[in-house]
Protein backbone atom coordinates (compact mmCIF):
# COMPACT_ATOMS: atom_id res chain seq x y z
CA MET A 1 -0.01 0.02 0.01
CA ASP A 2 1.20 3.49 -0.86
CA GLU A 3 1.76 6.30 1.63
CA PRO A 4 -1.67 7.84 2.47
CA SER A 5 -2.72 10.64 0.12
CA TRP A 6 -5.75 12.84 -0.19
CA TYR A 7 -8.35 11.91 -2.78
CA GLY A 8 -11.48 13.60 -4.09
CA VAL A 9 -14.12 11.03 -5.00
CA ARG A 10 -17.20 11.88 -7.07
CA CYS A 11 -20.24 9.61 -6.60
CA VAL A 12 -23.54 9.92 -8.43
CA PHE A 13 -26.93 9.47 -6.76
CA ARG A 14 -30.53 9.31 -8.03
CA HIS A 15 -33.20 11.16 -6.01
CA ARG A 16 -36.29 9.27 -7.16
CA GLU A 17 -38.94 11.57 -5.68
CA LEU A 18 -37.25 14.73 -6.98
CA GLY A 19 -36.42 13.23 -10.36
CA VAL A 20 -32.83 14.47 -10.21
CA TYR A 21 -29.34 13.12 -10.16
CA GLU A 22 -26.77 14.43 -7.69
CA GLU A 23 -22.99 14.45 -8.01
CA ARG A 24 -21.17 14.60 -4.67
CA VAL A 25 -17.40 15.01 -4.26
CA THR A 26 -16.08 13.87 -0.87
CA LEU A 27 -12.50 13.97 0.45
CA TRP A 28 -10.63 10.96 1.80
CA THR A 29 -7.17 10.02 2.96
CA ALA A 30 -6.28 6.63 1.59
CA GLY A 31 -3.33 4.49 0.52
CA SER A 32 -4.67 3.93 -2.99
CA LEU A 33 -7.29 5.01 -5.50
CA ASP A 34 -9.21 1.81 -4.93
CA ASP A 35 -9.17 2.34 -1.15
CA ALA A 36 -10.47 5.89 -1.55
CA ILE A 37 -13.26 4.72 -3.79
CA GLY A 38 -14.18 1.91 -1.37
CA ARG A 39 -14.42 4.33 1.52
CA ALA A 40 -16.47 6.79 -0.56
CA GLU A 41 -18.84 4.06 -1.66
CA ALA A 42 -19.34 2.93 1.94
CA GLU A 43 -20.23 6.53 2.84
CA ALA A 44 -22.47 6.70 -0.23
CA LEU A 45 -24.57 3.82 1.13
CA GLU A 46 -24.79 5.56 4.54
CA TYR A 47 -25.88 8.74 2.75
CA CYS A 48 -28.66 6.84 0.97
CA ALA A 49 -29.79 5.16 4.16
CA ALA A 50 -30.11 8.51 5.90
CA LEU A 51 -32.36 9.86 3.14
CA GLU A 52 -35.55 8.58 1.57
CA GLU A 53 -35.91 7.88 -2.13
CA VAL A 54 -32.18 8.14 -2.84
CA ASP A 55 -30.15 5.46 -4.60
CA TYR A 56 -26.42 5.22 -5.21
CA THR A 57 -25.93 4.60 -8.96
CA GLY A 58 -22.70 2.67 -8.40
CA PHE A 59 -20.67 5.28 -10.29
CA ALA A 60 -17.55 6.63 -8.59
CA GLU A 61 -14.48 8.43 -9.96
CA ALA A 62 -11.47 9.42 -7.86
CA PHE A 63 -8.75 12.05 -8.21
CA LYS A 64 -5.46 11.85 -6.28
CA MET A 65 -4.68 15.31 -4.94
CA ASP A 66 -1.24 16.87 -4.73
CA GLY A 67 -0.51 17.52 -1.07
CA VAL A 68 -2.93 18.44 1.64
CA PRO A 69 -6.25 20.24 1.00
CA GLY A 70 -6.14 23.97 1.68
CA GLU A 71 -7.43 27.20 0.28
CA GLY A 72 -7.73 26.90 -3.49
CA ALA A 73 -6.78 23.19 -3.54
CA GLU A 74 -7.96 21.22 -6.54
CA VAL A 75 -10.14 18.43 -5.08
CA PHE A 76 -11.34 16.85 -8.26
CA SER A 77 -10.45 16.97 -11.96
CA LEU A 78 -11.83 15.14 -14.97
CA MET A 79 -10.65 15.47 -18.57
CA ARG A 80 -12.84 14.46 -21.47
CA GLU A 81 -11.82 14.52 -25.14
CA SER A 82 -14.24 16.44 -27.34
CA ASP A 83 -14.29 18.32 -30.62
CA LEU A 84 -17.28 20.43 -29.51
CA PRO A 85 -16.86 24.24 -29.27
CA SER A 86 -16.71 25.49 -25.67
CA GLY A 87 -20.29 26.78 -25.45
CA THR A 88 -21.75 23.62 -26.93
CA TYR A 89 -19.61 21.42 -24.68
CA VAL A 90 -20.67 23.29 -21.53
CA GLY A 91 -24.32 23.26 -22.61
CA LYS A 92 -24.23 19.52 -23.29
CA PHE A 93 -22.44 18.35 -20.13
CA PHE A 94 -22.80 21.10 -17.49
CA ALA A 95 -25.11 24.08 -18.07
CA THR A 96 -28.04 22.29 -19.61
CA GLY A 97 -30.60 24.52 -17.90
CA ARG A 98 -31.90 21.58 -15.84
CA GLU A 99 -29.44 21.90 -12.95
CA ARG A 100 -30.60 22.44 -9.34
CA ILE A 101 -27.88 24.30 -7.49
CA SER A 102 -29.26 24.18 -3.93
C-alpha cells in the first residue's frame, strides 16, 4: 500500500422523488485510488440510508490530490476529449438549464 494521500471522489446518486441526479465530491485520505473509492462508496450507502428515495448509482471516480487540501486546492479533476466548441460542450455536459444548485 502506498503512503496515504488525499483523494477527491465523485459519486452519483438518483433522487427518485425529486427526479434528479446528484454528483457529490467527498475527500478521503487513503493508501490507493481503490481504497479511496471503497471508503467513498461505503459513505455513499450511509448517505442513501439517511435519506428517503435516494439510490447510489454505483458510479464513482477518484482524483489523487497533490499535497494536503487547503485554500484553493484542486479536489477533483476530470478530462474528457471532445471536438465540440466550448459553449456547446458546456451546454451539453454542465449548463443544460436543468441543474438544481441548492
